[in-house]
Structures are given as structure tokens and as C-alpha cells.
């Protein structure tokens, strides 16, 4: 059997595929563990090291623009809302979104997905001039050379969480995009404790973030994408049917997981998101994700990560294949 090396994050709805429980058209799936999986993104983009690899979706689009030999299938294993991801320093005095103008905000790298989504929402929903913000980063972009002049690189080894607690930056993004991790992907970084909120600690820009996030989704249909499945183009050239086969296998994997855990009990965050939107928390396919894909391309163009003439034809972003919503 022909083997496919596959790197995915820790998603229960993808485990049946990795475990060999799904039909893969005669291919043998060979899982490769990379922790954190973000480290695999860079290896895939720069070295085409794996046959199939989860990628950050904006990084995938940037790779396509650069002519890197990758293509994708419309499988998005992870989704998140972002109104709750901006934490303000205790004495920053930030009260409303436009107070961020002229301030310094920490984010792991400029092109990180959370950063792209947060900046897009701040600009479109709250008229924040994101070009008047200094974005303080402590890691490289997977594809370099697109960061604007208002990006400042930390060089003293301190984490964004430390700077936020010390009030040396005015705000920061949370989780892997900012204060929730320490060290660089190449060093095998791990999660670290988020700065405590409340009292004299950082506080959220949007105290009612969950309500605002669902309202934004209901008005726009945008449900932020946080992963896409990329395939080495050479494998698709050898077998043009591979994208359809893989897509069907990921869809079957999700069905098998839900047959065992129909309430998404293994991933409480996705369960909460599914309840909030009243729908599948991780829909696959192009049609089901049209609004989100258009928003992602629009935001990335607006932020200088994609050229102005980058395609708006969503189907051309993916390998030719059969992708019924799943």
C-alpha cells in the first residue's frame, strides 16, 4: 500500500482517520506526531516535509501566493471566535476598541490566524485603524517578508505574558497567539499559564465577548477558520483522485467520532460553540464555509499578507475534487 505521512493536531474527530478506521482508497495513513503542531506548519511550508499536514489557513494562502507546491482540501478541523482574545494591561486605560490606536499589542507573529481575525473584526466592526497600532511579536511568520512597518520584534527573550503583566505592552492576544505560550516553535514550546485577569491583572477588551461573537456570526455568517488540510501538490499530480479520497475520509472520521460522542463531549469548547450557533461546530466543504473563506481572504489582503489581486474564486484555492458539505 502507498503510504501518506499525515500530521494533525490533537482533534478527536480526526482520530478515526489516523487510527485506520476510515476508508482511504488503498492508502496507508502514517501519523507523524509534532508537538506543538504549529512547528509542523513551518516544516511543511518551508520543506514540504509531509504528504498531508494541517496548516494555519492564512499561511496556506500565503504559501499558494508564493508558488509553494501545496494544495488543500476544504477540511477545517478547528474553529474559534475571537472577541474574547484581546486582554488589556491592568493600567492601560483601554475601555473601547478605538482606544487601541496608538498602543502596543502583543501577538506571537503578525500572520498568526488569531491576529488576522482579530484585526479584521476590529477594523470592520469597530472602525479601529489597525495601522495606528504597533504589533509586538516574539516569533517569526511561517512566510516572512510581508509584515508591515508597524510590527516590532522582541529580542530580549521575555514572553508576551510577562510584558503584559509589567504594563510594557498595552494589550495582547491570548492562547497560542500570544500570552498562552512560551518559547519558539523550533524549541518545542509548550503552553504556559495565562496572566490572571481581574483585580490588578489584565482585563478583557470585551467583557461580553461570547454574546458579541455570536451576534457577529449571526449577522455575517463568518465563523473563523483555524486549520486547513494541505497536501503536497506532487502527491495530487500522481493521483488526482487523492483530494476527494482524503476529504471523504475526514468526513467519515468526523461521523465515526460523533456516533460515539454525539454531544462533542471530548471537546467542550466545540460543544459550546455548536450550541451557540445552533449548527455543526466544524463544518467541512466550500459552500458551508463561503462567508468565512471570503472574510479570511479579505482580511489578509487588507492587512498586506496577500496581494490585492489575489483570487476571490474560492474553488481555485483547493485541489480539484468532490467536496459535498459534511
Foldseek 3Di string as FASTA:
>chain_A
DAEFEEEDAPFQLCVCVQVVNFDQPPYDYDYDYAVPLQLVQLCCLPPVPGFKYKHFVLVLLLSVQVVAQKFFFQFFRDFDFQQQFKWFALPLPQAALQSQFQFEEEWAECRAQSNLNVVLCCCPVVVHPCVRYQYEHAAYDSDDDQADPSYHYDDPQDFQQVCSHVVVGGIYTDDPTGQQWHDYSVVSIDGDDHWDDDDSGIDRNDPPRLVVRLVCCVVQVATAGGITMMGRNVVCVVPVANSQSVLVRSVVSNVVSCVVVVQPVVDVVLSVVCVSNVHRSGKGDCVSNVRNVQSSVVSCCVSRSDPPPRDSPVVVRHRDYDTDID
